[in-house]
Amino acid sequence: MRRTYHDLLAWQRSVKLAKEVYSVTKGLPDDERFGLVSQMRRAAVSVASNIAEGSSRSGKQEFLQFLNIAKGSLSELETQLTIAEELAFVERDTALRNTIDELFGLLHGLMNSLRGPRP
């Protein structure tokens, strides 16, 4: 049985993001395996996981709460990527940053649609 979150573009892009992060972090130094590598991977997986979990909850408010958590994880990931770039562990990755930017927009749009029209 297919889950409804599979149809959400935000979830689809967040899975793509997680795969990209795993690929990028393969090149980080071995001594960062329990530092930035672990943090970046967990943050990326958290985005997709929170979208999935929130969509499976009983109401809009719960879903919004989990989408807020997903946005927080996405912000963490963006910060960790910046640190990895500043430390010259990775080159500036425009494609990854574009995916992050797109996902911020998708989450924002999804949250607005759940909130409904503003008075």
Protein backbone atom coordinates (compact mmCIF):
# COMPACT_ATOMS: atom_id res chain seq x y z
CA MET A 1 0.00 0.00 0.00
CA ARG A 2 1.39 3.37 -1.03
CA ARG A 3 1.64 6.03 1.67
CA THR A 4 0.29 9.51 0.90
CA TYR A 5 3.58 11.20 1.77
CA HIS A 6 5.15 9.42 -1.22
CA ASP A 7 3.12 11.80 -3.40
CA LEU A 8 4.44 14.93 -1.67
CA LEU A 9 7.06 16.69 -3.76
CA ALA A 10 8.71 17.92 -0.55
CA TRP A 11 9.19 14.32 0.64
CA GLN A 12 10.49 13.21 -2.77
CA ARG A 13 13.02 16.06 -2.85
CA SER A 14 14.05 15.40 0.76
CA VAL A 15 14.88 11.78 -0.13
CA LYS A 16 16.91 13.09 -3.08
CA LEU A 17 18.66 15.50 -0.71
CA ALA A 18 19.56 12.69 1.70
CA LYS A 19 21.10 10.70 -1.15
CA GLU A 20 23.10 13.75 -2.25
CA VAL A 21 24.33 14.35 1.31
CA TYR A 22 25.45 10.73 1.65
CA SER A 23 27.38 11.09 -1.60
CA VAL A 24 29.01 14.40 -0.62
CA THR A 25 29.97 13.21 2.86
CA LYS A 26 31.80 10.15 1.51
CA GLY A 27 34.65 12.52 0.66
CA LEU A 28 35.02 14.04 4.12
CA PRO A 29 38.06 13.07 6.22
CA ASP A 30 37.82 9.83 8.20
CA ASP A 31 38.25 11.69 11.48
CA GLU A 32 34.97 13.52 10.72
CA ARG A 33 33.00 10.27 10.52
CA PHE A 34 31.53 10.87 13.99
CA GLY A 35 31.46 14.65 13.58
CA LEU A 36 30.23 16.45 10.49
CA VAL A 37 29.54 13.30 8.48
CA SER A 38 27.23 11.90 11.13
CA GLN A 39 25.56 15.26 11.81
CA MET A 40 24.95 16.04 8.14
CA ARG A 41 23.55 12.61 7.39
CA ARG A 42 21.26 12.63 10.40
CA ALA A 43 19.97 16.11 9.58
CA ALA A 44 19.26 15.13 5.96
CA VAL A 45 17.47 11.92 6.96
CA SER A 46 15.54 13.87 9.60
CA VAL A 47 14.01 16.14 6.95
CA ALA A 48 12.46 13.25 5.03
CA SER A 49 11.54 11.37 8.20
CA ASN A 50 9.69 14.31 9.74
CA ILE A 51 7.72 14.97 6.57
CA ALA A 52 6.68 11.30 6.50
CA GLU A 53 5.85 11.13 10.20
CA GLY A 54 3.94 14.39 10.21
CA SER A 55 1.83 13.44 7.22
CA SER A 56 0.85 10.24 9.01
CA ARG A 57 -0.41 12.06 12.11
CA SER A 58 -4.05 12.77 12.83
CA GLY A 59 -4.33 16.48 12.18
CA LYS A 60 -3.01 19.54 10.39
CA GLN A 61 -1.48 21.07 13.52
CA GLU A 62 0.61 17.98 14.17
CA PHE A 63 1.68 17.87 10.53
CA LEU A 64 2.70 21.54 10.74
CA GLN A 65 4.72 20.82 13.87
CA PHE A 66 6.65 18.07 12.09
CA LEU A 67 7.17 20.29 9.04
CA ASN A 68 8.66 22.91 11.37
CA ILE A 69 11.02 20.27 12.71
CA ALA A 70 11.92 19.32 9.13
CA LYS A 71 12.73 22.99 8.39
CA GLY A 72 14.91 23.08 11.49
CA SER A 73 16.81 20.00 10.34
CA LEU A 74 17.22 21.56 6.91
CA SER A 75 18.68 24.69 8.53
CA GLU A 76 21.08 22.52 10.54
CA LEU A 77 22.18 20.77 7.36
CA GLU A 78 22.73 24.06 5.56
CA THR A 79 24.88 25.29 8.46
CA GLN A 80 26.88 22.05 8.57
CA LEU A 81 27.47 22.25 4.81
CA THR A 82 28.75 25.80 5.23
CA ILE A 83 31.13 24.65 7.96
CA ALA A 84 32.39 21.77 5.80
CA GLU A 85 33.00 24.25 2.96
CA GLU A 86 34.74 26.75 5.26
CA LEU A 87 37.03 23.99 6.52
CA ALA A 88 37.73 23.04 2.88
CA PHE A 89 36.41 19.51 3.44
CA VAL A 90 34.15 19.95 0.41
CA GLU A 91 34.02 22.39 -2.47
CA ARG A 92 31.03 24.69 -2.62
CA ASP A 93 28.30 22.44 -3.98
CA THR A 94 25.84 24.55 -5.93
CA ALA A 95 23.61 21.59 -6.83
CA LEU A 96 23.25 20.57 -3.19
CA ARG A 97 22.56 24.16 -2.16
CA ASN A 98 19.94 24.45 -4.92
CA THR A 99 18.22 21.33 -3.59
CA ILE A 100 18.26 22.82 -0.08
CA ASP A 101 16.80 26.10 -1.37
CA GLU A 102 14.12 24.28 -3.35
CA LEU A 103 13.19 22.21 -0.32
CA PHE A 104 12.87 25.30 1.89
CA GLY A 105 10.42 26.68 -0.67
CA LEU A 106 8.47 23.42 -0.88
CA LEU A 107 8.18 23.18 2.90
CA HIS A 108 7.06 26.79 3.12
CA GLY A 109 4.42 26.22 0.44
CA LEU A 110 3.19 23.02 2.04
CA MET A 111 2.91 24.73 5.42
CA ASN A 112 0.97 27.62 3.90
CA SER A 113 -1.42 25.23 2.19
CA LEU A 114 -2.07 23.43 5.48
CA ARG A 115 -2.71 26.70 7.28
CA GLY A 116 -5.29 27.71 4.69
CA PRO A 117 -6.19 31.20 3.57
CA ARG A 118 -5.30 34.05 5.88
CA PRO A 119 -8.09 36.45 6.91
